[in-house]
């Protein structure tokens, strides 16, 4: 019988398709069944002799107890490989969700669907679609050893998910792993800093230093694109991917694209004060990108949460060049407070998001030259159910 490790969104969707199966999760304390007839089992009941195949949830870290016992451990990507569709995988530290969505908007008329790490689980994607556009996490890549894309677009990599991967080198290696599996008729768009790590790639390689490089290589006129900042990179990457498939560049479609909520989302309260919900910024680089947009403002920055094993000191050093006051929240609020003190940056250890917003509203007087920015550089699960939940709470506190 097939075994599933983990019972999150991905595995729940998959279990409906391959039922009956055995599902093992650390949350299970007793033997039970779900509504589809699958066995829900505490991990102590796993017996490799009773398992023909093990499919692991991408969120489960490599040190999971059952990984060493499993004899046929694979990812969901490997389970559904090969498939009919042209596969496009999009990864990187920041912007992969937006780039995936932008690429879908451009290729929708060509029969594409998108999903994977966002939206529709891979197992529920239309098997008859011409193109699969998959937002692909480093977690999924770690466990994938057979599946590979026709096009692999890798956005810039910065430190993230260190506690999961163990170190930054493992994180980078996971991001570059598809290049070892791809065929001669494949394409890859990769940061040039990893040129020496791509020697075994058999297909067509496009190396870049920044978005201008990509635009030049694919003859994209960035002046015709309405997005700026980090979203400019996302839009140029999406246009480059689309050009490989269709040999066309559609500026009208890309400029009509609407950015998701909680990504540098501006709103004002009844006093005209500007608040910015950038709750999706769950790592240092994302926060730096947001800060650059408001470099000429006084910034009340709400920072903190689960830092995923990444030191926030590089971010604090960057903050020295801004007119900024920090309001630290979440699991790493003490770390942020101590780092701010080390670099002589004004910081209030607010601990919670609500406390931070209340404190900021008390000093937010200059509506023309000041902003309140929630750009935490950390994951949200220490205090919230998701980054969306964190963003919604921020807006509620700001407008109350």
Protein backbone atom coordinates (compact mmCIF):
# COMPACT_ATOMS: atom_id res chain seq x y z
CA UNK A 1 0.00 0.00 0.00
CA UNK A 2 1.18 3.57 -0.72
CA UNK A 3 2.21 5.61 2.32
CA UNK A 4 1.86 9.38 2.63
CA UNK A 5 4.03 11.30 5.08
CA UNK A 6 2.22 14.37 6.39
CA UNK A 7 -1.40 15.48 6.25
CA UNK A 8 -1.30 19.07 5.06
CA UNK A 9 -3.07 20.54 2.04
CA UNK A 10 -0.90 18.73 -0.54
CA UNK A 11 -1.23 15.27 0.98
CA UNK A 12 -4.94 15.65 1.74
CA UNK A 13 -5.61 16.42 -1.92
CA UNK A 14 -3.39 13.55 -3.06
CA UNK A 15 -5.00 11.06 -0.65
CA UNK A 16 -8.37 11.56 -2.31
CA UNK A 17 -6.90 10.40 -5.60
CA UNK A 18 -4.88 7.37 -4.48
CA UNK A 19 -7.20 6.10 -1.73
CA UNK A 20 -6.92 3.75 0.04
CA UNK A 21 -3.51 4.58 1.50
CA UNK A 22 -1.76 4.85 4.84
CA UNK A 23 -1.14 8.39 6.09
CA UNK A 24 1.42 9.05 8.82
CA UNK A 25 1.62 12.34 10.69
CA UNK A 26 3.18 13.44 13.97
CA UNK A 27 -0.14 15.08 14.89
CA UNK A 28 -1.96 11.74 14.94
CA UNK A 29 -2.18 10.22 18.43
CA UNK A 30 -4.37 7.21 17.60
CA UNK A 31 -5.31 5.01 14.65
CA UNK A 32 -8.23 6.42 12.70
CA UNK A 33 -9.72 6.69 9.19
CA UNK A 34 -10.68 9.71 7.12
CA UNK A 35 -13.87 10.09 5.09
CA UNK A 36 -12.26 8.49 2.03
CA UNK A 37 -11.22 5.31 3.81
CA UNK A 38 -7.55 6.17 4.24
CA UNK A 39 -5.80 5.00 7.39
CA UNK A 40 -4.58 7.81 9.67
CA UNK A 41 -1.67 6.48 11.70
CA UNK A 42 0.77 7.78 14.31
CA UNK A 43 4.31 7.57 12.92
CA UNK A 44 5.27 4.77 15.32
CA UNK A 45 3.11 2.37 13.30
CA UNK A 46 5.07 2.80 10.05
CA UNK A 47 6.48 -0.51 8.79
CA UNK A 48 8.55 -0.28 5.60
CA UNK A 49 7.63 -3.90 4.79
CA UNK A 50 3.97 -2.85 4.44
CA UNK A 51 4.73 0.13 2.20
CA UNK A 52 5.19 -0.08 -1.58
CA UNK A 53 5.90 3.64 -2.04
CA UNK A 54 6.30 6.68 0.24
CA UNK A 55 5.26 10.17 -0.93
CA UNK A 56 6.33 12.96 1.38
CA UNK A 57 4.75 16.34 2.03
CA UNK A 58 7.23 19.02 0.88
CA UNK A 59 6.97 20.83 4.20
CA UNK A 60 8.43 17.94 6.20
CA UNK A 61 12.17 18.52 6.90
CA UNK A 62 14.88 16.00 5.94
CA UNK A 63 15.40 14.91 9.56
CA UNK A 64 11.84 13.52 9.80
CA UNK A 65 11.97 10.22 11.69
CA UNK A 66 10.40 8.09 8.93
CA UNK A 67 12.71 9.29 6.14
CA UNK A 68 15.48 6.89 7.18
CA UNK A 69 13.05 3.97 7.28
CA UNK A 70 11.42 4.62 3.92
CA UNK A 71 12.71 2.49 1.03
CA UNK A 72 10.96 4.27 -1.86
CA UNK A 73 10.66 7.93 -0.79
CA UNK A 74 9.61 10.31 -3.58
CA UNK A 75 8.05 13.74 -4.09
CA UNK A 76 4.64 14.47 -5.54
CA UNK A 77 6.41 15.81 -8.64
CA UNK A 78 8.07 12.41 -9.16
CA UNK A 79 4.79 10.54 -8.63
CA UNK A 80 3.10 12.40 -11.51
CA UNK A 81 6.11 12.32 -13.83
CA UNK A 82 6.03 12.14 -16.79
CA UNK A 83 2.88 14.01 -17.75
CA UNK A 84 1.35 15.32 -20.96
CA UNK A 85 1.92 19.02 -20.32
CA UNK A 86 4.92 21.24 -21.04
CA UNK A 87 6.26 21.86 -17.54
CA UNK A 88 7.45 25.31 -16.47
CA UNK A 89 8.93 25.49 -12.98
CA UNK A 90 9.48 28.84 -11.28
CA UNK A 91 11.56 29.14 -8.14
CA UNK A 92 13.78 31.56 -6.22
CA UNK A 93 13.63 33.24 -2.84
CA UNK A 94 11.28 36.11 -3.67
CA UNK A 95 8.74 36.75 -6.39
CA UNK A 96 8.02 33.18 -7.47
CA UNK A 97 4.31 33.45 -6.67
CA UNK A 98 3.89 36.69 -8.62
CA UNK A 99 6.03 35.44 -11.51
CA UNK A 100 4.00 32.23 -11.67
CA UNK A 101 0.73 34.16 -11.71
CA UNK A 102 2.02 36.62 -14.32
CA UNK A 103 3.19 33.76 -16.53
CA UNK A 104 -0.23 32.13 -16.23
CA UNK A 105 -1.92 35.37 -17.29
CA UNK A 106 0.31 35.49 -20.38
CA UNK A 107 -0.03 31.82 -21.33
CA UNK A 108 -3.66 31.20 -20.37
CA UNK A 109 -4.84 31.58 -23.97
CA UNK A 110 -2.31 28.92 -24.94
CA UNK A 111 -3.91 26.33 -22.67
CA UNK A 112 -1.90 26.74 -19.47
CA UNK A 113 -2.84 26.07 -15.86
CA UNK A 114 -0.83 26.97 -12.77
CA UNK A 115 -0.45 25.59 -9.29
CA UNK A 116 2.00 23.52 -7.27
CA UNK A 117 3.13 25.49 -4.25
CA UNK A 118 0.25 27.97 -4.76
CA UNK A 119 -3.40 27.65 -5.65
CA UNK A 120 -4.33 24.28 -7.14
CA UNK A 121 -2.34 21.30 -5.80
CA UNK A 122 -0.35 19.56 -8.52
CA UNK A 123 -2.46 16.40 -8.23
CA UNK A 124 -5.59 18.40 -9.12
CA UNK A 125 -4.19 20.18 -12.17
CA UNK A 126 -5.92 19.50 -15.50
CA UNK A 127 -4.10 16.49 -16.94
CA UNK A 128 -5.15 17.56 -20.46
CA UNK A 129 -3.72 21.08 -20.21
CA UNK A 130 -1.01 22.01 -22.70
CA UNK A 131 1.18 23.75 -20.12
CA UNK A 132 1.71 23.34 -16.38
CA UNK A 133 3.21 26.37 -14.63
CA UNK A 134 4.38 25.32 -11.19
CA UNK A 135 5.58 27.53 -8.37
CA UNK A 136 8.28 25.25 -7.02
CA UNK A 137 9.66 25.40 -3.48
CA UNK A 138 13.13 24.35 -2.35
CA UNK A 139 11.38 21.78 -0.14
CA UNK A 140 9.80 20.06 -3.14
CA UNK A 141 13.07 20.21 -5.09
CA UNK A 142 14.93 18.57 -2.21
CA UNK A 143 12.77 15.44 -2.52
CA UNK A 144 12.51 15.38 -6.34
CA UNK A 145 14.95 13.07 -8.12
CA UNK A 146 13.31 12.26 -11.45
CA UNK A 147 10.79 14.88 -12.57
CA UNK A 148 12.13 17.86 -14.51
CA UNK A 149 10.76 20.86 -16.42
CA UNK A 150 10.95 22.02 -20.01
CA UNK A 151 11.68 25.52 -18.69
CA UNK A 152 13.23 26.33 -15.32
CA UNK A 153 13.17 29.99 -14.29
CA UNK A 154 15.17 30.75 -11.15
CA UNK A 155 14.76 34.15 -9.55
CA UNK A 156 17.59 35.48 -7.32
CA UNK A 157 18.46 33.42 -4.24
CA UNK A 158 19.09 34.92 -0.80
CA UNK A 159 19.26 33.30 2.63
CA UNK A 160 15.99 31.65 3.62
CA UNK A 161 14.72 28.40 5.20
CA UNK A 162 18.08 27.72 6.85
CA UNK A 163 16.48 25.85 9.75
CA UNK A 164 14.81 23.46 7.27
CA UNK A 165 17.79 22.86 4.97
CA UNK A 166 20.45 22.98 7.65
CA UNK A 167 22.60 25.58 5.90
CA UNK A 168 22.56 28.02 2.99
CA UNK A 169 24.61 25.72 0.75
CA UNK A 170 21.93 23.03 0.93
CA UNK A 171 19.27 25.63 0.13
CA UNK A 172 21.17 26.76 -2.99
CA UNK A 173 21.82 23.17 -4.06
CA UNK A 174 18.11 22.39 -3.85
CA UNK A 175 17.30 25.40 -6.03
CA UNK A 176 19.84 24.31 -8.67
CA UNK A 177 18.93 20.61 -8.56
CA UNK A 178 16.57 20.62 -11.60
CA UNK A 179 19.50 21.52 -13.88
CA UNK A 180 21.00 18.06 -13.29
CA UNK A 181 17.76 16.36 -14.34
CA UNK A 182 16.74 18.41 -17.39
CA UNK A 183 17.07 17.21 -21.01
CA UNK A 184 18.86 18.66 -24.06
CA UNK A 185 15.72 20.33 -25.38
CA UNK A 186 15.09 22.28 -22.15
CA UNK A 187 15.68 25.92 -21.17
CA UNK A 188 16.92 27.55 -17.97
CA UNK A 189 17.11 31.18 -16.83
CA UNK A 190 19.59 31.27 -13.96
CA UNK A 191 21.49 33.96 -11.96
CA UNK A 192 25.01 34.21 -13.45
CA UNK A 193 26.62 33.89 -10.01
CA UNK A 194 25.84 30.15 -10.23
CA UNK A 195 27.46 29.65 -13.63
CA UNK A 196 30.12 27.31 -12.25
CA UNK A 197 27.42 25.12 -10.69
CA UNK A 198 25.53 24.59 -13.97
CA UNK A 199 28.22 22.80 -16.01
CA UNK A 200 26.23 19.56 -16.25
CA UNK A 201 23.16 21.29 -17.71
CA UNK A 202 22.44 19.94 -21.20
CA UNK A 203 19.91 22.49 -22.51
CA UNK A 204 19.86 26.17 -23.48
CA UNK A 205 21.06 28.37 -20.61
CA UNK A 206 20.34 32.08 -20.11
CA UNK A 207 22.50 33.63 -17.38
CA UNK A 208 21.65 37.00 -15.85
CA UNK A 209 22.86 39.48 -13.23
CA UNK A 210 19.64 41.51 -12.98
CA UNK A 211 16.34 42.15 -14.71
CA UNK A 212 18.04 44.38 -17.31
CA UNK A 213 20.13 41.41 -18.43
CA UNK A 214 17.02 39.28 -18.92
CA UNK A 215 15.28 42.07 -20.80
CA UNK A 216 18.26 42.50 -23.10
CA UNK A 217 18.63 38.78 -23.83
CA UNK A 218 14.94 38.43 -24.71
CA UNK A 219 14.56 41.85 -26.39
CA UNK A 220 12.04 43.07 -23.81
CA UNK A 221 11.52 46.85 -23.56
CA UNK A 222 11.24 47.51 -19.82
CA UNK A 223 10.01 51.07 -20.51
CA UNK A 224 6.78 49.50 -21.79
CA UNK A 225 6.22 47.70 -18.48
CA UNK A 226 4.25 49.51 -15.77
CA UNK A 227 5.75 47.61 -12.80
CA UNK A 228 8.74 48.85 -10.82
CA UNK A 229 10.86 47.61 -7.93
CA UNK A 230 10.81 43.87 -7.25
CA UNK A 231 7.72 43.44 -9.47
CA UNK A 232 9.73 44.59 -12.51
CA UNK A 233 11.94 41.51 -12.20
CA UNK A 234 8.86 39.29 -11.88
CA UNK A 235 7.20 40.76 -14.97
CA UNK A 236 10.34 40.57 -17.12
CA UNK A 237 10.92 36.96 -16.08
CA UNK A 238 7.31 36.08 -16.95
CA UNK A 239 7.66 37.75 -20.36
CA UNK A 240 10.93 35.89 -21.00
CA UNK A 241 9.35 32.53 -20.16
CA UNK A 242 6.43 33.30 -22.43
CA UNK A 243 8.71 34.32 -25.28
CA UNK A 244 10.44 30.93 -25.15
CA UNK A 245 7.05 29.24 -25.56
CA UNK A 246 5.29 31.61 -27.99
CA UNK A 247 8.02 33.90 -29.40
CA UNK A 248 5.79 36.86 -28.50
CA UNK A 249 5.87 39.70 -25.95
CA UNK A 250 2.49 40.99 -24.77
CA UNK A 251 2.88 44.22 -22.80
CA UNK A 252 -0.88 44.81 -22.63
CA UNK A 253 -1.56 41.59 -20.73
CA UNK A 254 1.35 41.99 -18.32
CA UNK A 255 0.40 45.59 -17.50
CA UNK A 256 -3.17 44.56 -16.68
CA UNK A 257 -1.96 42.06 -14.09
CA UNK A 258 -3.11 42.78 -10.52
CA UNK A 259 -0.68 42.11 -7.67
CA UNK A 260 -2.02 39.91 -4.86
CA UNK A 261 -3.01 41.31 -1.49
CA UNK A 262 -0.36 41.54 1.24
CA UNK A 263 2.41 42.44 -1.22
CA UNK A 264 3.36 46.10 -0.77
CA UNK A 265 -0.37 46.82 -0.56
CA UNK A 266 -1.05 50.46 0.32
CA UNK A 267 -4.11 51.77 2.17
CA UNK A 268 -4.94 54.84 4.26
CA UNK A 269 -6.88 55.32 7.47
CA UNK A 270 -9.52 57.98 8.10
CA UNK A 271 -6.79 60.51 8.89
CA UNK A 272 -5.05 59.97 5.55
CA UNK A 273 -2.09 58.14 7.09
CA UNK A 274 -0.42 55.65 4.74
CA UNK A 275 -0.12 52.03 5.85
CA UNK A 276 1.58 49.35 3.74
CA UNK A 277 0.75 45.66 4.12
CA UNK A 278 3.77 43.67 2.96
CA UNK A 279 3.06 40.64 5.15
CA UNK A 280 4.16 38.37 2.27
CA UNK A 281 7.75 39.59 2.91
CA UNK A 282 8.92 36.55 4.85
CA UNK A 283 12.67 36.98 4.31
CA UNK A 284 15.32 39.70 4.43
CA UNK A 285 15.54 40.41 0.72
CA UNK A 286 11.79 40.96 0.39
CA UNK A 287 11.88 43.54 3.16
CA UNK A 288 14.87 45.31 1.61
CA UNK A 289 12.94 45.56 -1.67
CA UNK A 290 9.99 47.16 0.13
CA UNK A 291 12.19 49.62 2.01
CA UNK A 292 13.72 50.86 -1.24
CA UNK A 293 10.31 51.94 -2.47
CA UNK A 294 9.87 54.26 0.53
CA UNK A 295 13.49 55.37 0.98
CA UNK A 296 12.52 59.07 1.06
CA UNK A 297 9.96 58.62 3.87
CA UNK A 298 10.11 58.31 7.63
CA UNK A 299 9.34 54.63 8.08
CA UNK A 300 7.68 52.98 11.06
CA UNK A 301 8.73 49.40 10.32
CA UNK A 302 7.05 46.37 11.92
CA UNK A 303 9.58 43.58 11.87
CA UNK A 304 9.71 40.04 13.23
CA UNK A 305 8.15 36.60 13.54
CA UNK A 306 9.84 33.27 12.87
CA UNK A 307 13.20 34.00 11.24
CA UNK A 308 13.56 30.38 9.99
CA UNK A 309 17.09 30.16 11.34
CA UNK A 310 18.36 33.21 9.42
CA UNK A 311 20.14 35.99 11.31
CA UNK A 312 18.49 39.37 10.74
CA UNK A 313 21.76 41.27 11.26
CA UNK A 314 22.31 41.90 7.51
CA UNK A 315 18.90 43.57 7.35
CA UNK A 316 19.58 45.72 10.42
CA UNK A 317 22.81 46.90 8.77
CA UNK A 318 20.85 47.89 5.66
CA UNK A 319 18.36 49.81 7.78
CA UNK A 320 21.11 52.18 8.96
CA UNK A 321 20.72 54.20 5.75
CA UNK A 322 16.99 54.86 6.33
CA UNK A 323 15.00 57.26 8.50
CA UNK A 324 13.39 54.45 10.42
CA UNK A 325 11.94 53.31 13.71
CA UNK A 326 11.56 49.58 14.27
CA UNK A 327 8.72 47.88 16.14
CA UNK A 328 9.76 44.30 16.89
CA UNK A 329 7.18 41.51 17.10
CA UNK A 330 7.00 37.75 17.36
CA UNK A 331 9.38 34.98 18.26
CA UNK A 332 12.53 36.90 17.35
CA UNK A 333 11.52 40.29 18.81
CA UNK A 334 14.27 40.13 21.42
CA UNK A 335 16.89 39.43 18.74
CA UNK A 336 15.68 42.42 16.71
CA UNK A 337 15.69 44.66 19.77
CA UNK A 338 19.25 43.65 20.69
CA UNK A 339 20.53 44.06 17.12
CA UNK A 340 18.90 47.49 16.89
CA UNK A 341 20.54 48.50 20.12
CA UNK A 342 23.91 47.26 18.78
CA UNK A 343 23.59 49.49 15.71
CA UNK A 344 22.01 52.42 17.55
CA UNK A 345 18.65 52.17 15.75
CA UNK A 346 15.47 53.19 17.54
CA UNK A 347 13.47 50.06 18.32
CA UNK A 348 10.48 49.28 20.50
CA UNK A 349 10.05 45.67 21.58
CA UNK A 350 6.31 45.44 20.94
CA UNK A 351 6.10 41.61 21.03
CA UNK A 352 2.71 41.56 19.27
CA UNK A 353 1.40 43.11 16.06
CA UNK A 354 -1.45 44.83 17.86
CA UNK A 355 0.93 46.52 20.32
CA UNK A 356 3.14 47.67 17.44
CA UNK A 357 0.29 49.27 15.52
CA UNK A 358 -1.07 50.98 18.64
CA UNK A 359 2.37 52.45 19.37
CA UNK A 360 2.83 53.64 15.79
CA UNK A 361 -0.59 55.29 15.62
CA UNK A 362 0.35 57.24 18.73
CA UNK A 363 3.29 58.94 16.96
CA UNK A 364 2.09 58.90 13.33
CA UNK A 365 1.52 62.62 12.81
CA UNK A 366 3.16 63.57 9.51
CA UNK A 367 0.83 62.12 6.88
CA UNK A 368 2.88 63.49 3.98
CA UNK A 369 6.31 62.22 4.92
CA UNK A 370 5.70 59.12 7.08
CA UNK A 371 4.45 55.58 6.50
CA UNK A 372 3.74 52.51 8.60
CA UNK A 373 5.20 49.44 6.89
CA UNK A 374 4.50 45.85 7.87
CA UNK A 375 7.35 44.01 6.15
CA UNK A 376 8.36 41.43 8.73
CA UNK A 377 11.27 39.59 6.99
CA UNK A 378 10.03 36.52 8.89
CA UNK A 379 7.45 33.78 8.64
CA UNK A 380 4.14 34.25 10.43
CA UNK A 381 3.36 30.89 12.01
CA UNK A 382 4.71 31.80 15.45
CA UNK A 383 1.66 34.04 16.05
CA UNK A 384 -0.62 33.67 13.01
CA UNK A 385 -2.10 30.94 10.83
CA UNK A 386 -0.52 32.41 7.66
CA UNK A 387 0.99 35.58 6.22
CA UNK A 388 -2.52 36.41 4.95
CA UNK A 389 -3.91 36.19 8.49
CA UNK A 390 -1.09 38.47 9.68
CA UNK A 391 -1.88 40.99 6.94
CA UNK A 392 -5.59 40.94 7.67
CA UNK A 393 -4.96 41.56 11.35
CA UNK A 394 -2.62 44.42 10.50
CA UNK A 395 -5.28 46.12 8.41
CA UNK A 396 -7.87 45.58 11.14
CA UNK A 397 -5.65 47.19 13.80
CA UNK A 398 -4.62 50.04 11.48
CA UNK A 399 -8.21 50.97 10.61
CA UNK A 400 -9.75 50.52 14.04
